[in-house]
Protein backbone atom coordinates (compact mmCIF):
# COMPACT_ATOMS: atom_id res chain seq x y z
CA UNK A 1 -11.42 9.09 -25.73
CA UNK A 2 -7.75 9.38 -24.79
CA UNK A 3 -5.43 6.96 -26.47
CA UNK A 4 -2.47 5.35 -24.78
CA UNK A 5 0.88 6.76 -25.84
CA UNK A 6 2.70 3.74 -27.32
CA UNK A 7 5.93 4.08 -25.38
CA UNK A 8 4.07 3.98 -22.09
CA UNK A 9 4.01 0.24 -22.76
CA UNK A 10 7.78 0.09 -22.21
CA UNK A 11 8.54 2.54 -19.40
CA UNK A 12 12.14 2.58 -18.36
CA UNK A 13 12.73 5.90 -16.60
CA UNK A 14 12.57 6.34 -12.86
CA UNK A 15 10.45 8.44 -10.58
CA UNK A 16 12.78 11.40 -11.19
CA UNK A 17 11.89 11.39 -14.88
CA UNK A 18 8.66 11.72 -16.81
CA UNK A 19 7.76 8.81 -19.11
CA UNK A 20 4.70 10.54 -20.57
CA UNK A 21 4.79 13.11 -23.30
CA UNK A 22 3.78 16.72 -22.74
CA UNK A 23 0.54 16.39 -24.71
CA UNK A 24 -0.71 13.58 -22.49
CA UNK A 25 0.44 15.47 -19.39
CA UNK A 26 -1.57 18.47 -20.56
CA UNK A 27 -4.69 16.35 -20.95
CA UNK A 28 -4.32 14.95 -17.44
CA UNK A 29 -3.69 18.42 -16.03
CA UNK A 30 -6.82 19.69 -17.76
CA UNK A 31 -8.93 17.10 -15.94
CA UNK A 32 -7.69 18.36 -12.58
CA UNK A 33 -7.87 22.05 -13.53
CA UNK A 34 -11.50 21.60 -14.49
CA UNK A 35 -12.44 20.10 -11.13
CA UNK A 36 -10.30 21.36 -8.25
CA UNK A 37 -12.44 24.49 -7.90
CA UNK A 38 -15.70 23.01 -9.16
CA UNK A 39 -17.91 22.80 -6.11
CA UNK A 40 -20.89 20.89 -7.46
CA UNK A 41 -21.89 18.11 -7.76
CA UNK A 42 -20.39 17.27 -4.39
CA UNK A 43 -20.43 14.18 -2.21
CA UNK A 44 -19.38 15.13 1.31
CA UNK A 45 -18.65 12.82 4.22
CA UNK A 46 -19.65 15.34 6.84
CA UNK A 47 -20.53 14.99 10.52
CA UNK A 48 -22.83 17.81 11.60
CA UNK A 49 -22.39 18.74 15.24
CA UNK A 50 -24.97 21.54 15.12
CA UNK A 51 -27.00 23.68 12.72
CA UNK A 52 -23.88 25.79 12.27
CA UNK A 53 -22.25 22.91 10.40
CA UNK A 54 -24.90 22.98 7.65
CA UNK A 55 -22.74 24.95 5.23
CA UNK A 56 -21.61 24.53 1.60
CA UNK A 57 -18.43 22.60 0.83
CA UNK A 58 -16.39 25.74 -0.01
CA UNK A 59 -16.91 26.93 3.56
CA UNK A 60 -16.44 23.60 5.30
CA UNK A 61 -13.19 22.65 3.53
CA UNK A 62 -12.08 25.78 1.64
CA UNK A 63 -8.93 24.30 0.06
CA UNK A 64 -10.29 20.90 -1.00
CA UNK A 65 -13.96 21.41 -1.82
CA UNK A 66 -13.84 20.53 -5.52
CA UNK A 67 -13.57 17.37 -7.63
CA UNK A 68 -16.78 15.87 -6.20
CA UNK A 69 -15.24 14.75 -2.90
CA UNK A 70 -12.43 15.72 -0.52
CA UNK A 71 -9.94 12.99 -1.38
CA UNK A 72 -10.30 13.57 -5.11
CA UNK A 73 -9.69 17.28 -4.58
CA UNK A 74 -6.56 16.45 -2.60
CA UNK A 75 -5.08 14.16 -5.21
CA UNK A 76 -6.20 16.55 -7.94
CA UNK A 77 -3.91 19.13 -6.31
CA UNK A 78 -1.20 16.48 -6.06
CA UNK A 79 -1.54 15.87 -9.81
CA UNK A 80 -1.13 19.58 -10.54
CA UNK A 81 1.91 19.85 -8.30
CA UNK A 82 3.54 16.79 -9.82
CA UNK A 83 2.99 17.80 -13.43
CA UNK A 84 3.96 21.43 -12.84
CA UNK A 85 7.19 20.16 -11.26
CA UNK A 86 7.97 17.70 -14.07
CA UNK A 87 6.85 19.97 -16.92
CA UNK A 88 7.67 23.51 -15.71
CA UNK A 89 7.82 25.06 -19.18
CA UNK A 90 4.56 23.69 -20.59
CA UNK A 91 1.63 26.14 -20.84
CA UNK A 92 -0.50 24.15 -18.42
CA UNK A 93 2.17 24.51 -15.70
CA UNK A 94 1.31 28.15 -15.15
CA UNK A 95 -2.39 27.31 -14.89
CA UNK A 96 -1.54 24.58 -12.41
CA UNK A 97 0.51 26.98 -10.31
CA UNK A 98 -2.33 29.50 -10.25
CA UNK A 99 -4.75 26.81 -9.10
CA UNK A 100 -2.35 25.67 -6.37
CA UNK A 101 -1.82 29.25 -5.22
CA UNK A 102 -5.57 29.78 -5.01
CA UNK A 103 -6.07 26.72 -2.81
CA UNK A 104 -2.93 26.34 -0.72
CA UNK A 105 -3.10 29.48 1.37
CA UNK A 106 -2.33 29.57 5.07
CA UNK A 107 -5.85 30.70 5.89
CA UNK A 108 -7.61 27.99 3.90
CA UNK A 109 -5.34 25.21 5.11
CA UNK A 110 -5.70 26.30 8.72
CA UNK A 111 -9.45 25.98 8.24
CA UNK A 112 -8.91 22.49 6.79
CA UNK A 113 -6.87 21.48 9.85
CA UNK A 114 -9.55 22.85 12.15
CA UNK A 115 -12.22 20.93 10.27
CA UNK A 116 -10.25 17.68 10.49
CA UNK A 117 -9.86 18.16 14.24
CA UNK A 118 -13.55 18.86 14.84
CA UNK A 119 -15.58 16.65 17.18
CA UNK A 120 -16.89 13.44 15.69
CA UNK A 121 -14.51 13.54 12.73
CA UNK A 122 -11.84 11.12 13.89
CA UNK A 123 -12.60 8.82 10.94
CA UNK A 124 -12.79 11.58 8.32
CA UNK A 125 -11.03 10.43 5.13
CA UNK A 126 -9.16 7.75 7.05
CA UNK A 127 -7.03 6.34 5.60
CA UNK A 128 -7.39 7.03 1.86
CA UNK A 129 -7.76 10.80 1.83
CA UNK A 130 -5.14 11.26 4.54
CA UNK A 131 -2.68 9.13 2.58
CA UNK A 132 -3.15 11.32 -0.48
CA UNK A 133 -2.80 14.43 1.66
CA UNK A 134 0.65 13.39 2.87
CA UNK A 135 1.54 12.44 -0.72
CA UNK A 136 0.78 16.04 -1.66
CA UNK A 137 3.11 17.13 1.13
CA UNK A 138 5.81 14.78 -0.20
CA UNK A 139 5.45 16.19 -3.70
CA UNK A 140 5.84 19.76 -2.48
CA UNK A 141 8.91 18.76 -0.44
CA UNK A 142 10.61 17.34 -3.50
CA UNK A 143 9.91 20.44 -5.60
CA UNK A 144 12.78 22.91 -5.45
CA UNK A 145 10.65 25.98 -6.01
CA UNK A 146 9.94 29.13 -3.99
CA UNK A 147 6.16 28.85 -4.35
CA UNK A 148 6.18 25.16 -3.48
CA UNK A 149 8.07 25.92 -0.27
CA UNK A 150 5.45 28.50 0.65
CA UNK A 151 2.60 26.11 -0.09
CA UNK A 152 4.30 23.39 1.94
CA UNK A 153 4.66 25.74 4.91
CA UNK A 154 0.97 26.57 4.69
CA UNK A 155 0.13 22.86 4.47
CA UNK A 156 2.18 21.98 7.56
CA UNK A 157 -0.65 22.18 10.14
CA UNK A 158 -2.85 19.91 8.04
CA UNK A 159 0.05 17.54 7.35
CA UNK A 160 0.75 17.34 11.08
CA UNK A 161 -2.91 16.67 11.83
CA UNK A 162 -3.06 13.90 9.20
CA UNK A 163 0.08 12.22 10.52
CA UNK A 164 -1.19 12.44 14.09
CA UNK A 165 -4.53 10.95 13.05
CA UNK A 166 -2.90 7.98 11.31
CA UNK A 167 -0.32 7.48 14.05
CA UNK A 168 -3.02 7.35 16.72
CA UNK A 169 -5.19 4.95 14.70
CA UNK A 170 -2.75 2.35 13.40
CA UNK A 171 -1.66 0.91 16.78
CA UNK A 172 -5.34 0.33 17.58
CA UNK A 173 -6.21 -1.32 14.27
CA UNK A 174 -5.95 -5.05 15.09
CA UNK A 175 -6.22 -6.31 11.51
CA UNK A 176 -5.86 -4.68 8.10
CA UNK A 177 -8.90 -3.77 6.05
CA UNK A 178 -8.73 -5.89 2.90
CA UNK A 179 -11.09 -4.18 0.49
CA UNK A 180 -10.79 -2.82 -3.01
CA UNK A 181 -12.03 0.64 -2.11
CA UNK A 182 -11.09 3.63 0.05
CA UNK A 183 -10.67 1.82 3.35
CA UNK A 184 -7.91 -0.48 2.09
CA UNK A 185 -5.11 -0.46 4.65
CA UNK A 186 -2.18 -1.63 2.52
CA UNK A 187 -2.64 1.07 -0.12
CA UNK A 188 -2.63 3.86 2.46
CA UNK A 189 0.37 2.40 4.26
CA UNK A 190 2.39 2.41 1.04
CA UNK A 191 1.64 6.04 0.21
CA UNK A 192 2.19 7.14 3.81
CA UNK A 193 5.50 5.29 4.05
CA UNK A 194 6.85 6.98 0.92
CA UNK A 195 5.88 10.32 2.47
CA UNK A 196 7.47 9.53 5.83
CA UNK A 197 10.77 8.67 4.16
CA UNK A 198 10.67 11.81 2.02
CA UNK A 199 9.82 14.00 5.01
CA UNK A 200 12.34 12.39 7.35
CA UNK A 201 9.62 11.51 9.86
CA UNK A 202 11.51 8.58 11.37
CA UNK A 203 9.09 7.77 14.18
CA UNK A 204 6.15 7.69 11.77
CA UNK A 205 8.19 5.64 9.31
CA UNK A 206 9.03 3.10 12.00
CA UNK A 207 5.36 2.75 12.91
CA UNK A 208 4.35 2.23 9.27
CA UNK A 209 7.07 -0.35 8.66
CA UNK A 210 6.11 -2.21 11.82
CA UNK A 211 2.43 -2.27 10.87
CA UNK A 212 3.17 -3.55 7.36
CA UNK A 213 5.29 -6.31 8.81
CA UNK A 214 2.74 -7.17 11.52
CA UNK A 215 -0.21 -7.20 9.16
CA UNK A 216 1.21 -8.93 6.12
CA UNK A 217 4.45 -10.88 6.43
CA UNK A 218 2.75 -14.11 7.52
CA UNK A 219 0.20 -14.03 4.68
CA UNK A 220 0.23 -16.72 2.01
CA UNK A 221 -1.82 -17.68 -1.05
CA UNK A 222 -3.72 -14.45 -1.61
CA UNK A 223 -6.96 -15.30 -3.51
CA UNK A 224 -6.29 -13.12 -6.54
CA UNK A 225 -8.81 -15.15 -8.56
CA UNK A 226 -11.58 -13.72 -6.37
CA UNK A 227 -10.76 -10.21 -7.56
CA UNK A 228 -12.16 -7.85 -8.50
CA UNK A 229 -15.33 -7.12 -6.65
CA UNK A 230 -17.79 -5.19 -8.76
CA UNK A 231 -16.81 -1.71 -7.59
CA UNK A 232 -13.10 -2.06 -6.85
CA UNK A 233 -10.54 0.53 -7.84
CA UNK A 234 -7.75 -1.16 -5.85
CA UNK A 235 -6.53 -4.74 -5.76
CA UNK A 236 -6.28 -6.01 -2.17
CA UNK A 237 -3.69 -8.64 -3.12
CA UNK A 238 -1.50 -6.35 -5.22
CA UNK A 239 -1.79 -3.45 -2.77
CA UNK A 240 -0.47 -5.71 -0.03
CA UNK A 241 2.45 -6.90 -2.14
CA UNK A 242 3.20 -3.31 -3.17
CA UNK A 243 3.34 -2.32 0.50
CA UNK A 244 5.52 -5.27 1.51
CA UNK A 245 8.10 -4.62 -1.22
CA UNK A 246 8.74 -1.29 0.49
CA UNK A 247 9.98 -2.95 3.70
CA UNK A 248 11.84 -6.09 2.60
CA UNK A 249 15.18 -6.45 0.81
CA UNK A 250 14.78 -7.79 -2.75
CA UNK A 251 15.72 -11.41 -2.04
CA UNK A 252 13.42 -11.64 0.99
CA UNK A 253 10.63 -9.98 -0.93
CA UNK A 254 11.00 -12.47 -3.79
CA UNK A 255 10.64 -15.35 -1.33
CA UNK A 256 7.61 -13.77 0.34
CA UNK A 257 5.98 -13.03 -3.03
CA UNK A 258 6.48 -16.64 -4.10
CA UNK A 259 4.39 -17.73 -1.12
CA UNK A 260 1.86 -14.92 -1.32
CA UNK A 261 1.28 -14.66 -5.08
CA UNK A 262 3.02 -17.53 -6.85
CA UNK A 263 1.08 -16.66 -10.02
CA UNK A 264 -0.29 -13.31 -11.14
CA UNK A 265 -2.72 -13.62 -14.01
CA UNK A 266 -5.07 -10.72 -14.69
CA UNK A 267 -7.23 -9.40 -17.50
CA UNK A 268 -8.20 -5.75 -17.96
CA UNK A 269 -11.52 -4.76 -16.45
CA UNK A 270 -14.20 -2.94 -18.43
CA UNK A 271 -16.79 -0.38 -17.38
CA UNK A 272 -20.35 -1.30 -18.28
CA UNK A 273 -21.85 2.13 -17.51
CA UNK A 274 -19.61 5.19 -17.59
CA UNK A 275 -22.32 7.34 -16.02
CA UNK A 276 -22.28 5.24 -12.83
CA UNK A 277 -19.53 6.52 -10.54
CA UNK A 278 -19.19 3.25 -8.62
CA UNK A 279 -19.01 1.11 -11.74
CA UNK A 280 -16.44 3.52 -13.15
CA UNK A 281 -14.12 2.39 -10.35
CA UNK A 282 -13.09 -0.54 -12.54
CA UNK A 283 -11.35 1.83 -14.95
CA UNK A 284 -9.17 3.05 -12.12
CA UNK A 285 -8.47 -0.53 -11.10
CA UNK A 286 -6.60 -1.10 -14.35
CA UNK A 287 -4.32 1.85 -13.56
CA UNK A 288 -3.75 1.06 -9.89
CA UNK A 289 -3.03 -2.57 -10.71
CA UNK A 290 -0.53 -1.37 -13.32
CA UNK A 291 1.42 0.83 -10.93
CA UNK A 292 1.36 -1.83 -8.21
CA UNK A 293 2.72 -4.42 -10.62
CA UNK A 294 5.51 -2.00 -11.57
CA UNK A 295 6.23 -1.53 -7.88
CA UNK A 296 6.25 -5.26 -7.21
CA UNK A 297 8.61 -5.82 -10.15
CA UNK A 298 10.91 -3.06 -8.91
CA UNK A 299 11.05 -4.71 -5.49
CA UNK A 300 12.42 -7.97 -6.92
CA UNK A 301 16.14 -8.59 -7.43
CA UNK A 302 17.60 -7.29 -10.68
CA UNK A 303 17.21 -9.91 -13.39
CA UNK A 304 14.58 -11.87 -11.48
CA UNK A 305 12.59 -14.19 -13.75
CA UNK A 306 9.24 -12.60 -12.84
CA UNK A 307 10.12 -8.95 -13.50
CA UNK A 308 9.61 -8.81 -17.27
CA UNK A 309 6.25 -10.60 -17.13
CA UNK A 310 4.93 -8.32 -14.41
CA UNK A 311 5.99 -5.23 -16.34
CA UNK A 312 4.39 -6.52 -19.53
CA UNK A 313 1.13 -7.16 -17.70
CA UNK A 314 1.30 -3.69 -16.17
CA UNK A 315 1.49 -2.21 -19.65
CA UNK A 316 -1.59 -4.11 -20.84
CA UNK A 317 -3.63 -2.98 -17.86
CA UNK A 318 -2.46 0.61 -18.13
CA UNK A 319 -3.45 0.74 -21.79
CA UNK A 320 -7.00 -0.23 -20.86
CA UNK A 321 -6.99 2.27 -18.01
CA UNK A 322 -5.91 5.18 -20.18
CA UNK A 323 -8.44 4.29 -22.85
CA UNK A 324 -11.25 4.54 -20.29
CA UNK A 325 -10.48 8.12 -19.23
CA UNK A 326 -13.19 10.26 -20.77
CA UNK A 327 -13.37 13.88 -19.74
CA UNK A 328 -17.03 14.19 -20.71
CA UNK A 329 -17.96 11.80 -17.92
CA UNK A 330 -17.35 13.58 -14.62
CA UNK A 331 -17.92 10.29 -12.76
CA UNK A 332 -14.43 9.23 -13.81
CA UNK A 333 -12.83 12.44 -15.03
CA UNK A 334 -12.67 13.98 -11.57
CA UNK A 335 -10.22 11.34 -10.26
CA UNK A 336 -8.81 9.06 -12.95
CA UNK A 337 -6.24 11.62 -14.08
CA UNK A 338 -4.45 11.27 -10.75
CA UNK A 339 -4.24 7.51 -11.13
CA UNK A 340 -2.94 7.89 -14.68
CA UNK A 341 -0.25 10.35 -13.61
CA UNK A 342 0.79 8.22 -10.63
CA UNK A 343 1.39 5.32 -13.01
CA UNK A 344 2.87 7.19 -15.96
CA UNK A 345 5.38 9.21 -13.91
CA UNK A 346 6.34 6.13 -11.88
CA UNK A 347 5.54 7.70 -8.55
CA UNK A 348 6.58 5.48 -5.67
CA UNK A 349 9.01 3.42 -7.76
CA UNK A 350 12.57 3.38 -6.39
CA UNK A 351 15.34 4.51 -8.70
CA UNK A 352 16.87 1.03 -8.60
CA UNK A 353 15.46 -2.38 -7.71
CA UNK A 354 14.81 -3.09 -4.07
CA UNK A 355 12.98 -1.64 -1.09
CA UNK A 356 13.17 2.10 -0.61
């Protein structure tokens, strides 16, 4: 079992730094390296349009066929890109680069874009997997590296297809999906908005900001006490607050948060059966709650009375989340590393307090 590095309880660096030591980064990278090209077991969400579509995962989606399912493969590649960028001189960085080079070829990513655009697939990985896909694109954009630029160019058709898919869907979505699993709207909007700002996609950014405001700004008294459901890996209430802090100035966000979540009291969740992939979601919930609490705290004005308490709670939850990551159990090992790295490297947290 992995143990929490003590100073992760008091993170102070920004998203440009790396508040996890190299040994822990290597362990997280190992989880992704062991799954991004592991084809089976595999859970595919696949619409067959004819007998010709009855093919193995490596042929259907040749870049992202590993890690049990498409979205986990995508954020497994994101993990490798992020850690290779932050830890370029560690031994695992070269392994990560080789894995990225194997997957992110123009030919394979063109096939991915063609698959996404196939008939009957308009809901494929929408919105969770698509949000992670554009996060991968954001990570490659921020990496000043010759190989990363080449991989980003190869990814461009798939990035464009993902953005087009989300941009066509959001204006038609009358209400947000408020669940603790993949279909959660607020979570995807937050990741997509960070990408849009990184990529300079102003029209897409404007749509995302407008949807966050339309969906959430009138909300009050989120029923946090009803969370979690038994298979959640996201918090609907915290995901919403983490999205809203991205679009409001600190003082306005503090007022909104006071109406929406006047109290935030949470206890770590525990997994009762680590061999059950759905029940294992609760380990990831600790980590996603932790990074959302850090985001919420960062969105408040500097010195705000709630910041320290939210950050302390984030540390408690993260400790439980890290302790639950066990590589021998593929049910969690194929995806939890990405959640751990997102939290520990403070992805999505602005360099200073306030909306990004």
